[in-house]
PDB file of all heavy atoms in Angstrom:
ATOM      1  N   PRO A   1     131.163  97.814 104.544  1.00  0.00           N
ATOM      2  CA  PRO A   1     130.179  98.519 103.725  1.00  0.00           C
ATOM      3  C   PRO A   1     129.040  99.071 104.574  1.00  0.00           C
ATOM      4  O   PRO A   1     128.705  98.514 105.625  1.00  0.00           O
ATOM      5  CB  PRO A   1     129.670  97.441 102.758  1.00  0.00           C
ATOM      6  CG  PRO A   1     129.966  96.155 103.437  1.00  0.00           C
ATOM      7  CD  PRO A   1     131.202  96.377 104.250  1.00  0.00           C
ATOM      8  N   SER A   2     128.451 100.161 104.114  1.00  0.00           N
ATOM      9  CA  SER A   2     127.320 100.755 104.820  1.00  0.00           C
ATOM     10  C   SER A   2     126.119  99.825 104.742  1.00  0.00           C
ATOM     11  O   SER A   2     126.054  98.927 103.899  1.00  0.00           O
ATOM     12  CB  SER A   2     126.961 102.098 104.183  1.00  0.00           C
ATOM     13  OG  SER A   2     126.377 101.877 102.895  1.00  0.00           O
ATOM     14  N   ARG A   3     125.147 100.065 105.603  1.00  0.00           N
ATOM     15  CA  ARG A   3     123.939  99.239 105.576  1.00  0.00           C
ATOM     16  C   ARG A   3     123.186  99.430 104.265  1.00  0.00           C
ATOM     17  O   ARG A   3     122.553  98.510 103.762  1.00  0.00           O
ATOM     18  CB  ARG A   3     123.049  99.524 106.778  1.00  0.00           C
ATOM     19  CG  ARG A   3     122.506 100.923 106.852  1.00  0.00           C
ATOM     20  CD  ARG A   3     121.696 101.158 108.132  1.00  0.00           C
ATOM     21  NE  ARG A   3     121.214 102.521 108.213  1.00  0.00           N
ATOM     22  CZ  ARG A   3     120.087 102.951 107.659  1.00  0.00           C
ATOM     23  NH1 ARG A   3     119.334 102.106 106.984  1.00  0.00           N
ATOM     24  NH2 ARG A   3     119.703 104.202 107.762  1.00  0.00           N
ATOM     25  N   HIS A   4     123.263 100.623 103.688  1.00  0.00           N
ATOM     26  CA  HIS A   4     122.607 100.864 102.399  1.00  0.00           C
ATOM     27  C   HIS A   4     123.257 100.027 101.302  1.00  0.00           C
ATOM     28  O   HIS A   4     122.559  99.411 100.480  1.00  0.00           O
ATOM     29  CB  HIS A   4     122.672 102.344 102.017  1.00  0.00           C
ATOM     30  CG  HIS A   4     121.774 103.228 102.814  1.00  0.00           C
ATOM     31  ND1 HIS A   4     120.415 103.042 102.895  1.00  0.00           N
ATOM     32  CD2 HIS A   4     122.048 104.317 103.575  1.00  0.00           C
ATOM     33  CE1 HIS A   4     119.877 103.982 103.663  1.00  0.00           C
ATOM     34  NE2 HIS A   4     120.852 104.753 104.098  1.00  0.00           N
ATOM     35  N   LEU A   5     124.595  99.998 101.272  1.00  0.00           N
ATOM     36  CA  LEU A   5     125.282  99.215 100.250  1.00  0.00           C
ATOM     37  C   LEU A   5     124.996  97.728 100.428  1.00  0.00           C
ATOM     38  O   LEU A   5     124.728  97.015  99.461  1.00  0.00           O
ATOM     39  CB  LEU A   5     126.792  99.481 100.292  1.00  0.00           C
ATOM     40  CG  LEU A   5     127.633  98.709  99.262  1.00  0.00           C
ATOM     41  CD1 LEU A   5     127.125  98.926  97.841  1.00  0.00           C
ATOM     42  CD2 LEU A   5     129.108  99.091  99.374  1.00  0.00           C
ATOM     43  N   MET A   6     125.012  97.253 101.670  1.00  0.00           N
ATOM     44  CA  MET A   6     124.716  95.843 101.912  1.00  0.00           C
ATOM     45  C   MET A   6     123.284  95.505 101.501  1.00  0.00           C
ATOM     46  O   MET A   6     123.028  94.445 100.927  1.00  0.00           O
ATOM     47  CB  MET A   6     124.924  95.491 103.388  1.00  0.00           C
ATOM     48  CG  MET A   6     126.366  95.216 103.773  1.00  0.00           C
ATOM     49  SD  MET A   6     127.199  93.971 102.752  1.00  0.00           S
ATOM     50  CE  MET A   6     126.191  92.522 102.998  1.00  0.00           C
ATOM     51  N   ALA A   7     122.361  96.409 101.771  1.00  0.00           N
ATOM     52  CA  ALA A   7     120.963  96.171 101.384  1.00  0.00           C
ATOM     53  C   ALA A   7     120.831  96.104  99.870  1.00  0.00           C
ATOM     54  O   ALA A   7     120.111  95.252  99.333  1.00  0.00           O
ATOM     55  CB  ALA A   7     120.071  97.273 101.957  1.00  0.00           C
ATOM     56  N   ALA A   8     121.538  96.984  99.167  1.00  0.00           N
ATOM     57  CA  ALA A   8     121.487  96.985  97.705  1.00  0.00           C
ATOM     58  C   ALA A   8     122.103  95.707  97.145  1.00  0.00           C
ATOM     59  O   ALA A   8     121.553  95.083  96.226  1.00  0.00           O
ATOM     60  CB  ALA A   8     122.207  98.215  97.150  1.00  0.00           C
ATOM     61  N   LEU A   9     123.235  95.301  97.695  1.00  0.00           N
ATOM     62  CA  LEU A   9     123.895  94.068  97.251  1.00  0.00           C
ATOM     63  C   LEU A   9     122.996  92.851  97.482  1.00  0.00           C
ATOM     64  O   LEU A   9     122.823  92.011  96.597  1.00  0.00           O
ATOM     65  CB  LEU A   9     125.222  93.878  97.991  1.00  0.00           C
ATOM     66  CG  LEU A   9     126.371  94.809  97.595  1.00  0.00           C
ATOM     67  CD1 LEU A   9     127.454  94.796  98.657  1.00  0.00           C
ATOM     68  CD2 LEU A   9     126.939  94.402  96.246  1.00  0.00           C
ATOM     69  N   ALA A  10     122.422  92.767  98.672  1.00  0.00           N
ATOM     70  CA  ALA A  10     121.555  91.635  99.000  1.00  0.00           C
ATOM     71  C   ALA A  10     120.331  91.612  98.097  1.00  0.00           C
ATOM     72  O   ALA A  10     119.905  90.549  97.628  1.00  0.00           O
ATOM     73  CB  ALA A  10     121.137  91.709 100.470  1.00  0.00           C
ATOM     74  N   SER A  11     119.782  92.780  97.822  1.00  0.00           N
ATOM     75  CA  SER A  11     118.618  92.878  96.947  1.00  0.00           C
ATOM     76  C   SER A  11     118.947  92.390  95.538  1.00  0.00           C
ATOM     77  O   SER A  11     118.238  91.558  94.968  1.00  0.00           O
ATOM     78  CB  SER A  11     118.137  94.336  96.914  1.00  0.00           C
ATOM     79  OG  SER A  11     117.104  94.511  95.980  1.00  0.00           O
ATOM     80  N   PHE A  12     120.045  92.872  94.990  1.00  0.00           N
ATOM     81  CA  PHE A  12     120.440  92.483  93.632  1.00  0.00           C
ATOM     82  C   PHE A  12     120.741  90.982  93.573  1.00  0.00           C
ATOM     83  O   PHE A  12     120.323  90.285  92.652  1.00  0.00           O
ATOM     84  CB  PHE A  12     121.664  93.302  93.194  1.00  0.00           C
ATOM     85  CG  PHE A  12     121.955  93.208  91.729  1.00  0.00           C
ATOM     86  CD1 PHE A  12     121.372  94.088  90.832  1.00  0.00           C
ATOM     87  CD2 PHE A  12     122.807  92.234  91.238  1.00  0.00           C
ATOM     88  CE1 PHE A  12     121.635  94.001  89.466  1.00  0.00           C
ATOM     89  CE2 PHE A  12     123.075  92.134  89.882  1.00  0.00           C
ATOM     90  CZ  PHE A  12     122.489  93.024  88.990  1.00  0.00           C
ATOM     91  N   CYS A  13     121.468  90.489  94.584  1.00  0.00           N
ATOM     92  CA  CYS A  13     121.837  89.060  94.629  1.00  0.00           C
ATOM     93  C   CYS A  13     120.619  88.155  94.711  1.00  0.00           C
ATOM     94  O   CYS A  13     120.661  87.015  94.252  1.00  0.00           O
ATOM     95  CB  CYS A  13     122.720  88.774  95.834  1.00  0.00           C
ATOM     96  SG  CYS A  13     124.397  89.311  95.646  1.00  0.00           S
ATOM     97  N   SER A  14     119.552  88.643  95.322  1.00  0.00           N
ATOM     98  CA  SER A  14     118.380  87.795  95.508  1.00  0.00           C
ATOM     99  C   SER A  14     117.781  87.339  94.182  1.00  0.00           C
ATOM    100  O   SER A  14     117.125  86.309  94.122  1.00  0.00           O
ATOM    101  CB  SER A  14     117.324  88.532  96.333  1.00  0.00           C
ATOM    102  OG  SER A  14     116.731  89.587  95.583  1.00  0.00           O
ATOM    103  N   LYS A  15     118.031  88.094  93.115  1.00  0.00           N
ATOM    104  CA  LYS A  15     117.443  87.747  91.824  1.00  0.00           C
ATOM    105  C   LYS A  15     118.478  87.462  90.751  1.00  0.00           C
ATOM    106  O   LYS A  15     118.231  86.684  89.834  1.00  0.00           O
ATOM    107  CB  LYS A  15     116.538  88.885  91.363  1.00  0.00           C
ATOM    108  CG  LYS A  15     115.599  88.514  90.234  1.00  0.00           C
ATOM    109  CD  LYS A  15     114.524  89.572  90.098  1.00  0.00           C
ATOM    110  CE  LYS A  15     113.447  89.137  89.121  1.00  0.00           C
ATOM    111  NZ  LYS A  15     112.378  90.141  89.022  1.00  0.00           N
ATOM    112  N   TYR A  16     119.644  88.083  90.863  1.00  0.00           N
ATOM    113  CA  TYR A  16     120.636  87.992  89.790  1.00  0.00           C
ATOM    114  C   TYR A  16     122.000  87.546  90.329  1.00  0.00           C
ATOM    115  O   TYR A  16     123.022  88.139  90.028  1.00  0.00           O
ATOM    116  CB  TYR A  16     120.759  89.345  89.075  1.00  0.00           C
ATOM    117  CG  TYR A  16     119.460  89.795  88.442  1.00  0.00           C
ATOM    118  CD1 TYR A  16     118.729  90.856  88.972  1.00  0.00           C
ATOM    119  CD2 TYR A  16     118.942  89.126  87.334  1.00  0.00           C
ATOM    120  CE1 TYR A  16     117.524  91.253  88.395  1.00  0.00           C
ATOM    121  CE2 TYR A  16     117.742  89.514  86.754  1.00  0.00           C
ATOM    122  CZ  TYR A  16     117.047  90.579  87.287  1.00  0.00           C
ATOM    123  OH  TYR A  16     115.852  90.952  86.707  1.00  0.00           O
ATOM    124  N   SER A  17     121.986  86.489  91.138  1.00  0.00           N
ATOM    125  CA  SER A  17     123.231  86.103  91.813  1.00  0.00           C
ATOM    126  C   SER A  17     124.278  85.517  90.867  1.00  0.00           C
ATOM    127  O   SER A  17     125.470  85.708  91.071  1.00  0.00           O
ATOM    128  CB  SER A  17     122.944  85.141  92.968  1.00  0.00           C
ATOM    129  OG  SER A  17     122.317  83.975  92.521  1.00  0.00           O
ATOM    130  N   GLN A  18     123.852  84.805  89.822  1.00  0.00           N
ATOM    131  CA  GLN A  18     124.848  84.221  88.905  1.00  0.00           C
ATOM    132  C   GLN A  18     125.654  85.298  88.172  1.00  0.00           C
ATOM    133  O   GLN A  18     126.887  85.284  88.216  1.00  0.00           O
ATOM    134  CB  GLN A  18     124.170  83.279  87.917  1.00  0.00           C
ATOM    135  CG  GLN A  18     123.674  81.986  88.555  1.00  0.00           C
ATOM    136  CD  GLN A  18     124.741  80.915  88.652  1.00  0.00           C
ATOM    137  OE1 GLN A  18     125.626  80.836  87.824  1.00  0.00           O
ATOM    138  NE2 GLN A  18     124.651  80.082  89.666  1.00  0.00           N
ATOM    139  N   PRO A  19     125.000  86.251  87.486  1.00  0.00           N
ATOM    140  CA  PRO A  19     125.806  87.301  86.840  1.00  0.00           C
ATOM    141  C   PRO A  19     126.575  88.138  87.855  1.00  0.00           C
ATOM    142  O   PRO A  19     127.703  88.573  87.585  1.00  0.00           O
ATOM    143  CB  PRO A  19     124.772  88.138  86.072  1.00  0.00           C
ATOM    144  CG  PRO A  19     123.442  87.755  86.602  1.00  0.00           C
ATOM    145  CD  PRO A  19     123.575  86.361  87.130  1.00  0.00           C
ATOM    146  N   PHE A  20     125.995  88.340  89.042  1.00  0.00           N
ATOM    147  CA  PHE A  20     126.693  89.083  90.090  1.00  0.00           C
ATOM    148  C   PHE A  20     128.003  88.389  90.446  1.00  0.00           C
ATOM    149  O   PHE A  20     129.058  89.023  90.548  1.00  0.00           O
ATOM    150  CB  PHE A  20     125.791  89.182  91.322  1.00  0.00           C
ATOM    151  CG  PHE A  20     126.421  89.875  92.491  1.00  0.00           C
ATOM    152  CD1 PHE A  20     126.363  91.249  92.607  1.00  0.00           C
ATOM    153  CD2 PHE A  20     127.083  89.153  93.473  1.00  0.00           C
ATOM    154  CE1 PHE A  20     126.952  91.902  93.690  1.00  0.00           C
ATOM    155  CE2 PHE A  20     127.672  89.786  94.544  1.00  0.00           C
ATOM    156  CZ  PHE A  20     127.606  91.168  94.661  1.00  0.00           C
ATOM    157  N   CYS A  21     127.947  87.068  90.636  1.00  0.00           N
ATOM    158  CA  CYS A  21     129.157  86.312  90.991  1.00  0.00           C
ATOM    159  C   CYS A  21     130.172  86.335  89.854  1.00  0.00           C
ATOM    160  O   CYS A  21     131.376  86.470  90.099  1.00  0.00           O
ATOM    161  CB  CYS A  21     128.803  84.875  91.343  1.00  0.00           C
ATOM    162  SG  CYS A  21     127.940  84.710  92.911  1.00  0.00           S
ATOM    163  N   ARG A  22     129.698  86.189  88.624  1.00  0.00           N
ATOM    164  CA  ARG A  22     130.603  86.169  87.474  1.00  0.00           C
ATOM    165  C   ARG A  22     131.343  87.489  87.317  1.00  0.00           C
ATOM    166  O   ARG A  22     132.493  87.514  86.871  1.00  0.00           O
ATOM    167  CB  ARG A  22     129.830  85.880  86.192  1.00  0.00           C
ATOM    168  CG  ARG A  22     129.284  84.478  86.093  1.00  0.00           C
ATOM    169  CD  ARG A  22     130.349  83.492  85.694  1.00  0.00           C
ATOM    170  NE  ARG A  22     129.802  82.162  85.542  1.00  0.00           N
ATOM    171  CZ  ARG A  22     130.529  81.077  85.508  1.00  0.00           C
ATOM    172  NH1 ARG A  22     131.836  81.143  85.649  1.00  0.00           N
ATOM    173  NH2 ARG A  22     129.962  79.896  85.352  1.00  0.00           N
ATOM    174  N   VAL A  23     130.699  88.593  87.692  1.00  0.00           N
ATOM    175  CA  VAL A  23     131.311  89.907  87.521  1.00  0.00           C
ATOM    176  C   VAL A  23     132.031  90.354  88.788  1.00  0.00           C
ATOM    177  O   VAL A  23     133.243  90.575  88.788  1.00  0.00           O
ATOM    178  CB  VAL A  23     130.247  90.955  87.123  1.00  0.00           C
ATOM    179  CG1 VAL A  23     130.825  92.365  87.166  1.00  0.00           C
ATOM    180  CG2 VAL A  23     129.713  90.662  85.736  1.00  0.00           C
ATOM    181  N   LEU A  24     131.290  90.476  89.865  1.00  0.00           N
ATOM    182  CA  LEU A  24     131.839  91.129  91.042  1.00  0.00           C
ATOM    183  C   LEU A  24     132.687  90.200  91.896  1.00  0.00           C
ATOM    184  O   LEU A  24     133.806  90.543  92.265  1.00  0.00           O
ATOM    185  CB  LEU A  24     130.710  91.727  91.883  1.00  0.00           C
ATOM    186  CG  LEU A  24     131.244  92.675  92.951  1.00  0.00           C
ATOM    187  CD1 LEU A  24     130.525  94.004  92.909  1.00  0.00           C
ATOM    188  CD2 LEU A  24     131.118  92.069  94.325  1.00  0.00           C
ATOM    189  N   VAL A  25     132.169  89.033  92.220  1.00  0.00           N
ATOM    190  CA  VAL A  25     132.935  88.111  93.064  1.00  0.00           C
ATOM    191  C   VAL A  25     134.221  87.696  92.349  1.00  0.00           C
ATOM    192  O   VAL A  25     135.292  87.657  92.958  1.00  0.00           O
ATOM    193  CB  VAL A  25     132.091  86.885  93.460  1.00  0.00           C
ATOM    194  CG1 VAL A  25     132.930  85.862  94.205  1.00  0.00           C
ATOM    195  CG2 VAL A  25     130.901  87.319  94.314  1.00  0.00           C
TER     196      VAL A  25
END
């Protein structure tokens, strides 16, 4: 993934990691 995509993923995960894991992971 690009650095922009990784930055966006890390940013979102920092606050909403549970729903992120339930959906994406």
